[in-house]
Protein backbone atom coordinates (compact mmCIF):
# COMPACT_ATOMS: atom_id res chain seq x y z
CA PRO A 1 99.96 178.58 317.86
CA ALA A 2 98.21 176.57 320.58
CA LEU A 3 96.21 179.62 321.62
CA ILE A 4 95.22 180.32 318.01
CA LEU A 5 94.13 176.69 317.64
CA MET A 6 92.10 176.94 320.84
CA TRP A 7 90.21 180.00 319.59
CA PHE A 8 89.76 178.41 316.17
CA LEU A 9 88.22 175.29 317.69
CA MET A 10 85.88 177.50 319.73
CA ALA A 11 84.92 179.38 316.57
CA VAL A 12 84.25 176.15 314.68
CA ALA A 13 82.15 174.80 317.55
CA THR A 14 80.10 177.96 318.00
CA MET A 15 79.86 179.44 314.49
CA LEU A 16 79.91 176.56 311.98
CA PRO A 17 76.44 175.30 312.99
CA SER A 18 75.00 178.73 312.22
CA ALA A 19 76.65 178.54 308.78
CA ALA A 20 74.75 175.32 307.97
CA PRO A 21 71.89 177.17 306.17
CA MET A 22 74.43 178.98 303.96
CA ILE A 23 76.13 175.67 303.10
CA ARG A 24 72.75 174.04 302.42
CA ILE A 25 71.76 176.85 300.04
CA TYR A 26 75.07 176.48 298.19
CA CYS A 27 74.45 172.73 297.84
CA GLU A 28 70.95 173.37 296.48
CA ILE A 29 72.28 175.80 293.86
CA ALA A 30 75.05 173.32 293.04
CA ASP A 31 72.54 170.48 292.60
CA THR A 32 70.53 172.62 290.18
CA ALA A 33 73.67 173.43 288.20
CA ARG A 34 74.74 169.77 288.18
CA ILE A 35 71.34 168.69 286.80
CA LYS A 36 71.88 171.18 283.96
CA GLY A 37 75.25 169.58 283.25
CA GLU A 38 77.28 172.53 284.48
CA PRO A 39 80.57 172.05 286.38
CA VAL A 40 80.28 172.48 290.15
CA VAL A 41 82.85 173.22 292.84
CA HIS A 42 82.65 170.99 295.92
CA PRO A 43 81.00 172.74 298.91
CA LEU A 44 84.04 171.97 301.08
CA VAL A 45 85.88 174.67 299.12
CA LEU A 46 83.27 177.18 300.28
CA VAL A 47 83.57 175.91 303.87
CA ALA A 48 87.37 176.17 303.68
CA GLY A 49 87.11 179.84 302.69
CA TYR A 50 84.62 180.46 305.48
CA LEU A 51 86.88 178.83 308.07
CA CYS A 52 89.90 180.71 306.74
CA MET A 53 88.35 183.98 307.90
CA TRP A 54 87.68 182.54 311.35
CA LEU A 55 91.27 181.31 311.51
CA ALA A 56 92.41 184.88 310.90
CA GLY A 57 89.97 186.07 313.56
CA SER A 58 91.29 183.41 315.94
CA ALA A 59 94.80 184.84 315.58
CA LEU A 60 93.47 188.25 316.63
CA PHE A 61 91.61 186.75 319.58
CA ALA A 62 94.76 184.90 320.63
CA ALA A 63 96.73 188.16 320.61
CA LEU A 64 93.93 189.86 322.54
CA THR A 65 93.95 187.02 325.09
CA LEU A 66 97.63 187.58 325.81
CA GLY A 67 97.07 191.32 326.15
CA VAL A 68 94.00 191.03 328.36
CA HIS A 69 95.56 188.51 330.71
CA ALA A 70 98.72 190.61 330.99
CA PHE A 71 96.54 193.60 331.92
CA ALA A 72 94.29 191.61 334.26
CA SER A 73 97.17 189.64 335.81
CA SER A 74 94.86 186.63 336.14
CA GLY A 75 97.61 184.04 335.74
CA GLN A 76 96.01 181.15 333.80
CA LEU A 77 94.97 181.92 330.24
CA LEU A 78 91.89 179.69 330.43
CA ASP A 79 90.56 181.26 333.65
CA PRO A 80 87.69 183.78 333.53
CA VAL A 81 88.84 187.39 333.39
CA VAL A 82 87.38 189.29 336.34
CA GLY A 83 87.34 192.93 337.32
CA ILE A 84 87.48 195.79 334.85
CA ALA A 85 88.77 193.66 331.97
CA GLY A 86 85.92 191.16 332.28
CA ALA A 87 83.35 193.93 332.61
CA ALA A 88 84.78 195.71 329.56
CA ALA A 89 84.47 192.53 327.46
CA LEU A 90 80.80 192.17 328.41
CA LEU A 91 80.03 195.86 327.88
CA VAL A 92 81.65 195.92 324.43
CA ALA A 93 79.78 192.74 323.47
CA GLY A 94 76.52 194.22 324.74
CA LEU A 95 76.93 197.58 323.00
CA TYR A 96 77.84 195.95 319.69
CA GLN A 97 74.50 194.12 319.67
CA PHE A 98 72.82 197.51 319.16
CA SER A 99 75.20 198.80 316.45
CA GLY A 100 74.43 199.40 312.80
CA LEU A 101 77.46 197.35 311.75
CA LYS A 102 76.10 194.37 313.65
CA GLU A 103 72.76 194.74 311.88
CA ALA A 104 74.40 195.07 308.45
CA CYS A 105 76.51 191.94 308.95
CA LEU A 106 73.58 190.03 310.40
CA THR A 107 71.45 190.92 307.36
CA LYS A 108 74.10 189.44 305.07
CA CYS A 109 74.29 186.30 307.22
CA ARG A 110 70.53 185.88 307.15
CA ASN A 111 70.27 186.19 303.36
CA PRO A 112 73.14 184.25 301.77
CA PHE A 113 71.17 183.18 298.70
CA SER A 114 71.49 186.46 296.80
CA THR A 115 75.25 186.63 297.38
CA LEU A 116 75.83 182.97 296.50
CA PHE A 117 73.62 183.10 293.41
CA ALA A 118 74.97 186.42 292.12
CA ASN A 119 78.59 185.30 292.53
CA TRP A 120 78.17 181.71 291.37
CA SER A 121 81.22 180.29 289.64
CA ALA A 122 82.71 176.99 288.49
CA LYS A 123 86.19 178.13 289.54
CA PRO A 124 87.43 176.84 292.92
CA GLY A 125 89.30 180.08 293.61
CA ARG A 126 86.13 182.13 293.20
CA ILE A 127 84.15 179.82 295.47
CA PHE A 128 86.92 179.89 298.09
CA HIS A 129 86.81 183.71 297.94
CA LEU A 130 83.02 183.56 298.24
CA GLY A 131 83.42 181.44 301.37
CA MET A 132 85.86 184.01 302.75
CA GLU A 133 83.33 186.76 302.07
CA GLN A 134 80.61 184.88 303.94
CA GLY A 135 83.08 184.19 306.74
CA LEU A 136 83.89 187.89 306.95
CA TRP A 137 80.20 188.76 307.34
CA CYS A 138 79.87 186.10 310.04
CA LEU A 139 82.97 187.36 311.83
CA GLY A 140 81.60 190.91 311.65
CA CYS A 141 78.31 189.69 313.06
CA CYS A 142 79.61 187.53 315.91
CA TRP A 143 83.10 188.67 316.97
CA ALA A 144 81.77 190.63 319.94
CA LEU A 145 79.86 187.61 321.26
CA MET A 146 83.16 185.74 321.40
CA LEU A 147 84.35 188.36 323.91
CA VAL A 148 81.95 186.81 326.41
CA MET A 149 84.37 183.88 326.58
CA PHE A 150 86.84 186.15 328.37
CA ALA A 151 84.35 186.70 331.20
CA VAL A 152 83.28 183.06 331.54
CA GLY A 153 86.60 181.35 330.82
CA ALA A 154 88.01 180.17 327.51
CA MET A 155 86.94 176.68 326.41
CA ASN A 156 83.89 176.76 328.70
CA ILE A 157 81.79 174.10 326.96
CA PHE A 158 78.46 175.32 328.36
CA TRP A 159 78.98 178.88 327.14
CA MET A 160 80.32 177.73 323.78
CA ALA A 161 77.12 175.74 323.27
CA LEU A 162 74.98 178.65 324.46
CA ILE A 163 76.65 181.16 322.13
CA GLY A 164 76.44 178.67 319.28
CA LEU A 165 72.71 178.16 319.89
CA PHE A 166 72.08 181.89 320.11
CA THR A 167 73.94 182.68 316.87
CA LEU A 168 71.92 179.99 315.11
CA ILE A 169 68.65 181.46 316.44
CA GLU A 170 69.75 185.03 315.71
CA LYS A 171 70.55 184.24 312.08
CA GLN A 172 67.31 182.33 311.53
CA THR A 173 64.93 184.91 312.99
CA THR A 174 63.89 188.27 311.64
CA GLY A 175 63.96 191.60 313.42
CA ARG A 176 66.33 192.80 316.14
CA MET A 177 64.55 191.52 319.24
CA ALA A 178 66.96 188.62 319.84
CA SER A 179 70.07 190.76 319.32
CA ARG A 180 68.86 193.58 321.54
CA SER A 181 67.64 191.27 324.28
CA VAL A 182 71.01 189.59 324.56
CA GLY A 183 72.71 192.99 324.27
CA ALA A 184 70.70 194.28 327.23
CA ILE A 185 71.56 191.20 329.30
CA LEU A 186 75.26 191.61 328.55
CA LEU A 187 75.17 195.32 329.43
CA VAL A 188 73.49 194.65 332.78
CA TRP A 189 75.93 191.82 333.48
CA GLY A 190 78.91 193.97 332.57
CA ALA A 191 77.67 196.91 334.64
CA ALA A 192 77.12 194.64 337.66
CA LEU A 193 80.61 193.20 337.32
CA LEU A 194 82.01 196.72 337.04
CA LEU A 195 80.21 197.83 340.21
CA VAL A 196 81.42 194.78 342.13
CA SER A 197 84.97 195.43 340.95
CA ALA A 198 84.96 199.12 341.90
């Protein structure tokens, strides 16, 4: 449970800022509905659904942490994973930046208005589910970037801030230049770590 909480706090710190535009758009739609006299679900219900998906993802990352550290025999769970395991985390993260799935999820993250507007509802359950859907797209977009935390050490504040800043930039810009640039850096980094470990 402590490990799940640790990953969840990292996810909140790095991913919630990039969800701010989605939350703002929901609030704008809600304000328009409220002016018309229509019932509106509080935006915290949407956020709760979003965070629910990252909590599920955090459980998977916690299980992966136990497996990776058992394989790497690095001792402390919060220490950076070196050698083949660390290189593999960076290479997977780098390769995913070039994938079609990454692009599809990123497109959904960049354009939340159509999804929020098309699925608008006055029922809390529907809005919670909508938040889960947006959280799933975000998880699909950014899960591989979280693998970098294995190579730099879990709860590394500097890297959490850096990943959080990048995800915010990536979701606010068009094109694939940002994604591919970071992907190339991660691939070079992973390959260098692999060579050093050989």
